[in-house]
Protein backbone atom coordinates (compact mmCIF):
# COMPACT_ATOMS: atom_id res chain seq x y z
CA MET A 1 -39.93 44.35 43.75
CA ARG A 2 -41.18 40.80 43.48
CA MET A 3 -39.42 37.87 41.81
CA THR A 4 -40.77 34.33 41.51
CA PHE A 5 -38.99 31.25 40.13
CA GLU A 6 -39.44 27.48 40.05
CA VAL A 7 -37.05 24.96 41.62
CA GLY A 8 -36.84 21.22 40.90
CA GLN A 9 -37.58 18.81 38.07
CA THR A 10 -39.87 16.12 39.52
CA GLU A 11 -40.45 17.77 42.90
CA ARG A 12 -41.46 21.31 41.91
CA HIS A 13 -41.36 24.26 44.32
CA GLN A 14 -42.05 27.96 43.86
CA VAL A 15 -39.73 30.49 45.50
CA THR A 16 -40.87 34.11 45.87
CA PHE A 17 -38.54 36.98 46.84
CA SER A 18 -40.11 40.34 47.75
CA PHE A 19 -38.26 43.52 48.70
CA ASN A 20 -39.35 47.10 49.34
CA ARG A 21 -36.22 49.23 49.03
CA PHE A 22 -37.74 52.32 50.65
CA TRP A 23 -39.12 50.63 53.78
CA GLY A 24 -36.55 47.83 53.95
CA GLY A 25 -39.06 44.98 54.15
CA LEU A 26 -37.82 41.69 52.76
CA SER A 27 -39.57 38.34 52.43
CA ILE A 28 -38.62 34.95 50.98
CA LYS A 29 -41.29 32.28 50.64
CA VAL A 30 -41.17 28.68 49.43
CA ASP A 31 -44.53 27.34 48.25
CA GLY A 32 -46.23 30.22 50.10
CA VAL A 33 -44.51 29.47 53.42
CA SER A 34 -42.34 32.28 54.78
CA ILE A 35 -38.72 31.26 55.45
CA VAL A 36 -37.25 34.79 55.78
CA LYS A 37 -39.01 37.98 56.83
CA THR A 38 -36.96 40.99 57.89
CA VAL A 39 -37.00 44.77 58.00
CA SER A 40 -33.72 46.64 57.88
CA PHE A 41 -33.18 50.37 57.88
CA ALA A 42 -29.42 50.32 57.30
CA SER A 43 -26.98 47.87 55.79
CA VAL A 44 -23.21 47.78 56.09
CA GLY A 45 -22.35 45.33 53.31
CA LEU A 46 -22.78 45.95 49.61
CA VAL A 47 -24.01 42.40 48.96
CA ARG A 48 -26.50 40.49 51.13
CA HIS A 49 -27.20 36.85 50.45
CA TRP A 50 -29.55 34.16 51.68
CA ASP A 51 -28.75 30.45 51.29
CA PHE A 52 -31.26 27.66 51.83
CA VAL A 53 -32.17 24.18 50.62
CA VAL A 54 -35.45 23.51 48.78
CA GLY A 55 -37.01 20.06 48.49
CA GLN A 56 -37.32 16.83 50.42
CA HIS A 57 -36.40 14.01 48.04
CA GLU A 58 -34.96 16.22 45.29
CA GLN A 59 -32.91 18.82 47.15
CA HIS A 60 -31.51 21.96 45.55
CA GLN A 61 -29.25 24.65 47.00
CA VAL A 62 -30.76 28.12 46.47
CA ARG A 63 -28.84 31.38 46.88
CA ILE A 64 -30.40 34.83 46.49
CA GLU A 65 -28.09 37.86 46.33
CA LYS A 66 -29.09 41.53 46.62
CA HIS A 67 -26.48 44.07 45.59
CA ARG A 68 -26.56 47.74 46.50
CA GLU A 69 -24.54 50.87 45.91
CA LEU A 70 -22.51 52.46 48.70
CA ALA A 71 -24.35 55.79 48.78
CA PHE A 72 -28.10 56.54 48.51
CA ALA A 73 -28.95 52.85 48.07
CA GLY A 74 -32.67 53.47 48.68
CA PHE A 75 -32.81 55.72 45.63
CA ARG A 76 -30.70 53.61 43.26
CA PRO A 77 -31.40 50.35 41.46
CA GLN A 78 -30.47 47.26 43.49
CA PRO A 79 -29.92 44.13 41.35
CA VAL A 80 -31.17 40.82 42.74
CA TYR A 81 -29.90 37.45 41.47
CA ALA A 82 -31.28 33.97 42.20
CA PHE A 83 -29.12 30.87 41.79
CA VAL A 84 -30.17 27.22 41.98
CA ASP A 85 -27.29 24.76 42.34
CA GLY A 86 -24.90 27.54 41.27
CA GLN A 87 -26.79 28.39 38.05
CA LEU A 88 -28.45 31.79 37.55
CA VAL A 89 -32.20 31.17 37.17
CA ALA A 90 -33.74 34.61 37.77
CA GLN A 91 -32.75 38.24 38.13
CA GLY A 92 -34.49 41.52 38.74
CA VAL A 93 -33.98 45.06 39.97
CA ALA A 94 -35.37 46.44 43.21
């Protein structure tokens, strides 16, 4: 699953979220630069989130949430939501 969205009005940035639910690989990039890269084989929580700030002069708070079911998560849809300054800007299903 790959989701890309823009952040900022005058200072534009592109955020890309990639997740492979079968292998557990996860990547978050801002303007092509990796800020998060992980591999997880098991997860305890039902919601994982990543918070970070994008921009130098025009800063925005970004939060990406990945939800999963309790059982057989690798075989079930996992909704992903992206928020910028508390507003939903993108969503997808892994």
